[in-house]
Amino acid sequence: MKADAIFEGGGVKAFCMLGALFEAEQRGYQWENLAGSSAGAIIAALVAAGYNALEIKEQFWQIDFRYFKDVDLIGRIPIIGNALNLWFRHGLYLGDYLENLLRELLAAKGIFTFKDLVRKEYASDHIRHYKLVVIATDVTRRKLLKLPHDFKEYGIDPDSMEVCKAVRMSSSLPFFFQPCKIHSRKTKKQQETYYLIDGGVLSNFPVWVFDNDEVPLWPTFGFKVVETGGSETTKINNPFDLFKATLSTMLEAHDKIYESNLKSKLRTISIPSLGIKTTDFDNINKKKEALFQSGRQAAASFFDNWNFESFKLQCYTLPKLNLPTDIHLDHQEY
């Protein structure tokens, strides 16, 4: 069965979505187009490259996620290293480990640039032309980006961009990872630098990305991580608490209005996060399996109640039959 898949950003909580992805695959779904933001872009890219949920799980279960917190020489300076990186590099960690890991995993499936993900059957479709869409944020221009399509705005051929670099851009959690830079020449003597950061800043759950006004031929499923126990208040005791609360609000609040509409609710698999936080790289290794099972259980419950025909009837105005005006149905003859 064909379907599109959209993966929410969520840092290390993304292991929940792997379990849900596995359950969907077990029920026979095969993915046409994929999209994601931040950590969701990582999963979407690997699935677009040809990995299934168990293969991704096998790869990620071998990783010590503390390696994601990679630092340069400045970051190793005792006491002041982190502060210096925040001030001069705009982020605590390089993000190189993540990018290199993705490059290696994608290369194993023969995927290097977006040219390798072109869908020739969708040559005239602006969004579906590539099997993968990742969301990033250009803070220089205050704009949401759909990559690789929007690389054209910087004079870059989308086909030539490395998939791992686009995903790294989408995963640049503000102040945690250093932002990515694109240098675009405005004139022969003048060059503009654009800073790209986490797609979740403007859309952490881009479940809308493949939508149009037409009745869909196959479903789009959103994979979303939710906090257990409902909404919680955050205690603010110091500037660092305020920073963390601001960042969490920024990543979670933008999509709330869109997520509340009927179409989004009906096609979203909501997966409990089991209390894991987005940047909990130090403790995630102990809870990976529990998160995976949380996702699988949530997806099983969702698919047990899913009906595509019912979804279309509730969310779309189905086309009316255009009967000839000279035909009259006499109920007495039937």
Protein backbone atom coordinates (compact mmCIF):
# COMPACT_ATOMS: atom_id res chain seq x y z
CA MET A 1 0.00 0.00 0.00
CA LYS A 2 1.30 3.43 -0.93
CA ALA A 3 1.63 6.22 1.64
CA ASP A 4 3.61 9.38 2.38
CA ALA A 5 5.35 9.77 5.73
CA ILE A 6 6.09 12.95 7.69
CA PHE A 7 8.39 12.79 10.73
CA GLU A 8 8.40 15.39 13.49
CA GLY A 9 11.58 16.78 14.97
CA GLY A 10 12.29 15.58 18.48
CA GLY A 11 15.99 15.05 19.04
CA VAL A 12 16.74 11.73 20.68
CA LYS A 13 13.00 11.14 21.16
CA ALA A 14 12.95 10.11 17.50
CA PHE A 15 13.43 6.48 18.57
CA CYS A 16 9.68 6.50 19.26
CA MET A 17 9.03 7.11 15.60
CA LEU A 18 11.21 4.17 14.55
CA GLY A 19 8.88 1.83 16.42
CA ALA A 20 5.83 3.37 14.75
CA LEU A 21 7.54 3.17 11.36
CA PHE A 22 8.23 -0.53 11.94
CA GLU A 23 4.56 -1.18 12.74
CA ALA A 24 3.45 0.65 9.58
CA GLU A 25 5.84 -1.40 7.46
CA GLN A 26 4.59 -4.60 9.06
CA ARG A 27 1.10 -3.65 7.89
CA GLY A 28 2.26 -3.38 4.31
CA TYR A 29 2.81 0.34 3.79
CA GLN A 30 5.44 1.40 1.27
CA TRP A 31 6.63 4.99 1.15
CA GLU A 32 6.18 7.22 -1.86
CA ASN A 33 7.46 10.55 -0.53
CA LEU A 34 8.99 11.43 2.81
CA ALA A 35 9.58 14.62 4.73
CA GLY A 36 10.80 15.67 8.13
CA SER A 37 12.22 18.36 10.29
CA SER A 38 15.30 18.11 12.50
CA ALA A 39 15.60 14.55 13.87
CA GLY A 40 12.60 13.66 11.74
CA ALA A 41 14.61 14.66 8.67
CA ILE A 42 17.26 12.10 9.65
CA ILE A 43 14.71 9.28 9.68
CA ALA A 44 13.03 10.51 6.50
CA ALA A 45 16.38 10.65 4.66
CA LEU A 46 17.35 7.12 5.66
CA VAL A 47 13.96 5.72 4.64
CA ALA A 48 14.13 7.61 1.33
CA ALA A 49 17.54 6.03 0.77
CA GLY A 50 16.06 2.56 1.12
CA TYR A 51 16.48 1.66 4.79
CA ASN A 52 13.60 0.04 6.63
CA ALA A 53 12.84 0.60 10.30
CA LEU A 54 14.76 -2.45 11.54
CA GLU A 55 17.84 -1.52 9.52
CA ILE A 56 17.81 1.99 10.96
CA LYS A 57 17.32 0.56 14.44
CA GLU A 58 20.28 -1.79 13.95
CA GLN A 59 22.51 1.10 12.89
CA PHE A 60 21.46 3.46 15.66
CA TRP A 61 21.52 0.86 18.41
CA GLN A 62 25.29 0.62 17.89
CA ILE A 63 25.87 4.34 18.45
CA ASP A 64 26.89 6.01 21.68
CA PHE A 65 24.89 9.22 21.33
CA ARG A 66 27.29 11.14 23.50
CA TYR A 67 29.45 11.36 20.35
CA PHE A 68 26.89 13.77 18.92
CA LYS A 69 28.21 16.34 21.39
CA ASP A 70 31.38 16.91 19.36
CA VAL A 71 33.55 19.91 20.19
CA ASP A 72 36.55 21.63 18.65
CA LEU A 73 39.68 22.82 20.43
CA ILE A 74 37.92 25.90 21.76
CA GLY A 75 35.16 23.78 23.25
CA ARG A 76 37.74 21.74 25.18
CA ILE A 77 38.99 24.76 27.10
CA PRO A 78 37.95 24.20 30.75
CA ILE A 79 35.18 26.38 32.19
CA ILE A 80 34.99 28.95 29.38
CA GLY A 81 35.08 26.70 26.30
CA ASN A 82 31.31 26.38 25.94
CA ALA A 83 30.79 30.10 26.42
CA LEU A 84 33.39 30.90 23.76
CA ASN A 85 31.78 28.53 21.24
CA LEU A 86 28.37 30.04 21.89
CA TRP A 87 29.70 33.55 21.40
CA PHE A 88 31.98 33.01 18.39
CA ARG A 89 30.50 29.90 16.71
CA HIS A 90 26.85 30.38 17.78
CA GLY A 91 26.58 26.81 19.05
CA LEU A 92 28.04 24.43 21.61
CA TYR A 93 28.75 21.49 19.29
CA LEU A 94 30.04 21.11 15.75
CA GLY A 95 27.48 18.71 14.30
CA ASP A 96 30.22 17.10 12.19
CA TYR A 97 29.73 13.67 13.76
CA LEU A 98 26.07 13.67 12.70
CA GLU A 99 26.82 14.81 9.15
CA ASN A 100 29.62 12.26 8.64
CA LEU A 101 27.49 9.46 10.06
CA LEU A 102 24.68 10.30 7.64
CA ARG A 103 27.10 10.54 4.72
CA GLU A 104 28.36 7.03 5.48
CA LEU A 105 24.89 5.51 5.92
CA LEU A 106 23.48 7.11 2.78
CA ALA A 107 26.52 6.12 0.71
CA ALA A 108 25.96 2.49 1.71
CA LYS A 109 22.64 2.70 -0.19
CA GLY A 110 24.14 4.56 -3.15
CA ILE A 111 22.68 7.93 -2.15
CA PHE A 112 24.97 10.96 -2.28
CA THR A 113 23.18 14.00 -3.69
CA PHE A 114 19.52 14.83 -4.25
CA LYS A 115 19.97 13.81 -7.88
CA ASP A 116 19.92 10.25 -6.55
CA LEU A 117 16.44 10.88 -5.09
CA VAL A 118 14.79 12.38 -8.18
CA ARG A 119 11.36 10.90 -9.00
CA LYS A 120 11.19 11.02 -12.80
CA GLU A 121 7.49 10.12 -12.76
CA TYR A 122 6.86 13.41 -10.91
CA ALA A 123 8.92 15.63 -13.19
CA SER A 124 6.15 18.25 -13.38
CA ASP A 125 5.36 18.17 -9.64
CA HIS A 126 7.38 20.82 -7.81
CA ILE A 127 7.24 19.12 -4.40
CA ARG A 128 7.17 15.41 -5.29
CA HIS A 129 10.00 15.75 -7.81
CA TYR A 130 12.34 14.55 -5.05
CA LYS A 131 11.52 11.56 -2.86
CA LEU A 132 12.68 13.55 0.19
CA VAL A 133 11.85 17.02 1.51
CA VAL A 134 13.54 18.40 4.61
CA ILE A 135 12.60 21.58 6.43
CA ALA A 136 15.19 24.14 7.50
CA THR A 137 15.12 27.75 8.71
CA ASP A 138 17.04 30.63 7.16
CA VAL A 139 17.38 33.04 10.09
CA THR A 140 19.18 35.60 7.93
CA ARG A 141 16.11 36.04 5.75
CA ARG A 142 13.61 34.88 8.41
CA LYS A 143 12.25 32.21 6.06
CA LEU A 144 11.17 28.57 6.13
CA LEU A 145 12.97 26.45 3.54
CA LYS A 146 11.81 23.28 1.78
CA LEU A 147 15.00 21.54 0.75
CA PRO A 148 16.32 20.72 -1.77
CA HIS A 149 13.89 22.85 -3.82
CA ASP A 150 14.78 26.17 -2.18
CA PHE A 151 18.54 25.83 -2.78
CA LYS A 152 17.78 27.55 -6.08
CA GLU A 153 17.30 30.78 -4.13
CA TYR A 154 21.01 30.70 -3.27
CA GLY A 155 22.17 29.94 -6.80
CA ILE A 156 22.69 26.24 -5.96
CA ASP A 157 21.49 23.41 -8.19
CA PRO A 158 19.28 21.23 -5.92
CA ASP A 159 20.45 18.09 -7.73
CA SER A 160 24.06 18.79 -6.71
CA MET A 161 23.51 19.24 -2.96
CA GLU A 162 24.58 16.42 -0.66
CA VAL A 163 21.59 14.92 1.15
CA CYS A 164 23.58 14.66 4.40
CA LYS A 165 24.32 18.40 4.35
CA ALA A 166 20.65 19.33 3.89
CA VAL A 167 19.69 17.06 6.78
CA ARG A 168 22.48 18.55 8.89
CA MET A 169 21.00 22.00 8.18
CA SER A 170 17.56 20.83 9.24
CA SER A 171 19.01 19.34 12.45
CA SER A 172 20.94 22.39 13.65
CA LEU A 173 19.20 22.81 16.99
CA PRO A 174 19.71 26.50 17.91
CA PHE A 175 22.67 27.12 20.21
CA PHE A 176 23.17 23.36 20.67
CA PHE A 177 24.67 22.70 17.22
CA GLN A 178 26.54 25.37 15.31
CA PRO A 179 24.45 26.78 12.43
CA CYS A 180 25.22 25.95 8.81
CA LYS A 181 26.32 28.69 6.46
CA ILE A 182 25.58 29.22 2.78
CA HIS A 183 27.69 31.73 0.91
CA SER A 184 25.94 33.26 -2.07
CA ARG A 185 27.65 35.78 -4.34
CA LYS A 186 25.45 38.83 -4.98
CA THR A 187 28.01 40.53 -7.20
CA LYS A 188 31.59 39.79 -8.26
CA LYS A 189 32.86 41.71 -5.22
CA GLN A 190 30.08 41.13 -2.72
CA GLN A 191 29.23 37.85 -1.01
CA GLU A 192 26.26 37.27 1.29
CA THR A 193 26.35 34.75 4.14
CA TYR A 194 23.12 33.05 5.18
CA TYR A 195 22.71 31.15 8.45
CA LEU A 196 20.56 28.02 8.35
CA ILE A 197 19.30 26.34 11.51
CA ASP A 198 16.83 23.71 12.72
CA GLY A 199 13.67 23.41 10.64
CA GLY A 200 11.69 23.01 13.84
CA VAL A 201 12.07 26.70 14.57
CA LEU A 202 9.37 27.42 11.97
CA SER A 203 7.76 24.01 11.43
CA ASN A 204 8.68 21.07 13.61
CA PHE A 205 5.91 18.87 12.21
CA PRO A 206 5.46 19.66 8.48
CA VAL A 207 2.53 17.32 7.95
CA TRP A 208 1.18 19.84 5.43
CA VAL A 209 4.09 19.64 3.00
CA PHE A 210 2.51 17.32 0.38
CA ASP A 211 -1.03 18.68 0.70
CA ASN A 212 -3.03 20.26 -2.10
CA ASP A 213 -6.72 20.84 -2.80
CA GLU A 214 -7.24 17.50 -4.51
CA VAL A 215 -8.53 14.33 -2.89
CA PRO A 216 -5.38 12.24 -2.24
CA LEU A 217 -4.81 8.93 -4.00
CA TRP A 218 -3.01 7.54 -0.95
CA PRO A 219 -2.72 8.63 2.68
CA THR A 220 -0.14 10.80 4.39
CA PHE A 221 0.78 9.71 7.89
CA GLY A 222 2.34 12.03 10.44
CA PHE A 223 4.66 10.54 13.05
CA LYS A 224 4.58 12.79 16.11
CA VAL A 225 6.07 12.55 19.61
CA VAL A 226 3.87 13.75 22.46
CA GLU A 227 4.61 14.39 26.11
CA THR A 228 2.96 11.96 28.50
CA GLY A 229 0.74 13.32 31.25
CA GLY A 230 -0.51 16.34 29.29
CA SER A 231 0.90 19.85 29.34
CA GLU A 232 3.42 20.64 32.02
CA THR A 233 4.57 23.97 33.38
CA THR A 234 8.26 24.78 33.41
CA LYS A 235 9.95 26.21 36.46
CA ILE A 236 12.18 29.17 35.69
CA ASN A 237 14.85 29.55 38.37
CA ASN A 238 17.74 31.00 36.38
CA PRO A 239 18.69 32.31 32.91
CA PHE A 240 19.59 28.81 31.72
CA ASP A 241 16.09 27.55 32.62
CA LEU A 242 14.62 30.48 30.71
CA PHE A 243 16.75 29.65 27.68
CA LYS A 244 15.67 25.99 27.68
CA ALA A 245 12.00 26.92 28.12
CA THR A 246 12.22 29.46 25.30
CA LEU A 247 13.82 26.92 22.98
CA SER A 248 11.20 24.25 23.78
CA THR A 249 8.35 26.70 23.25
CA MET A 250 9.84 27.86 19.97
CA LEU A 251 10.12 24.31 18.64
CA GLU A 252 6.70 23.13 19.79
CA ALA A 253 4.32 26.09 19.46
CA HIS A 254 4.41 26.94 15.74
CA ASP A 255 2.49 23.93 14.48
CA LYS A 256 -0.16 23.84 17.21
CA ILE A 257 -2.85 25.63 15.21
CA TYR A 258 -2.34 23.45 12.13
CA GLU A 259 -2.20 20.26 14.21
CA SER A 260 -5.57 21.09 15.75
CA ASN A 261 -7.49 20.80 12.47
CA LEU A 262 -9.39 17.61 11.71
CA LYS A 263 -7.25 16.52 8.76
CA SER A 264 -4.05 16.63 10.81
CA LYS A 265 -5.56 14.93 13.84
CA LEU A 266 -6.96 12.00 11.89
CA ARG A 267 -3.70 11.16 10.09
CA THR A 268 -1.26 11.70 12.96
CA ILE A 269 0.24 8.86 14.99
CA SER A 270 0.85 10.36 18.45
CA ILE A 271 3.63 8.55 20.30
CA PRO A 272 4.37 8.96 24.05
CA SER A 273 7.91 10.19 24.70
CA LEU A 274 8.21 8.47 28.10
CA GLY A 275 9.63 11.62 29.63
CA ILE A 276 12.74 11.73 27.42
CA LYS A 277 13.92 15.23 26.54
CA THR A 278 15.05 16.40 23.11
CA THR A 279 18.77 16.76 23.95
CA ASP A 280 19.09 13.93 26.49
CA PHE A 281 22.07 12.41 24.67
CA ASP A 282 23.65 11.19 27.91
CA ASN A 283 20.76 8.93 28.97
CA ILE A 284 19.12 7.87 25.72
CA ASN A 285 21.18 4.68 25.36
CA LYS A 286 19.35 3.16 28.34
CA LYS A 287 15.87 3.94 27.00
CA LYS A 288 16.09 3.32 23.26
CA GLU A 289 14.21 0.03 23.33
CA ALA A 290 11.42 1.39 25.55
CA LEU A 291 10.94 4.29 23.13
CA PHE A 292 10.87 1.92 20.16
CA GLN A 293 8.15 -0.18 21.79
CA SER A 294 6.21 2.98 22.72
CA GLY A 295 6.11 3.89 19.04
CA ARG A 296 5.09 0.43 17.94
CA GLN A 297 2.20 0.28 20.42
CA ALA A 298 0.95 3.75 19.46
CA ALA A 299 1.04 2.89 15.76
CA ALA A 300 -0.76 -0.42 16.30
CA SER A 301 -3.57 1.40 18.07
CA PHE A 302 -3.72 4.01 15.30
CA PHE A 303 -3.83 1.55 12.40
CA ASP A 304 -6.42 -0.65 14.10
CA ASN A 305 -8.80 2.29 13.76
CA TRP A 306 -7.57 3.80 10.48
CA ASN A 307 -9.80 3.89 7.41
CA PHE A 308 -8.66 5.87 4.39
CA GLU A 309 -12.09 6.10 2.79
CA SER A 310 -13.58 7.45 6.01
CA PHE A 311 -10.72 9.97 6.24
CA LYS A 312 -11.43 11.29 2.74
CA LEU A 313 -15.15 11.62 3.44
CA GLN A 314 -14.50 13.62 6.59
CA CYS A 315 -11.75 15.89 5.27
CA TYR A 316 -12.43 16.48 1.58
CA THR A 317 -15.41 17.56 -0.50
CA LEU A 318 -15.73 14.63 -2.83
CA PRO A 319 -16.55 15.42 -6.48
CA LYS A 320 -20.23 15.19 -7.38
CA LEU A 321 -21.39 12.94 -10.20
CA ASN A 322 -22.10 14.93 -13.35
CA LEU A 323 -25.24 13.19 -14.59
CA PRO A 324 -26.79 14.30 -17.90
CA THR A 325 -29.69 16.65 -17.27
CA ASP A 326 -32.05 14.68 -19.53
CA ILE A 327 -31.84 11.54 -17.40
CA HIS A 328 -34.65 11.13 -14.86
CA LEU A 329 -34.64 8.36 -12.32
CA ASP A 330 -38.09 7.04 -11.54
CA HIS A 331 -37.88 5.20 -8.24
CA GLN A 332 -41.01 3.24 -9.08
CA GLU A 333 -39.12 1.33 -11.77
CA TYR A 334 -36.56 -0.01 -9.29
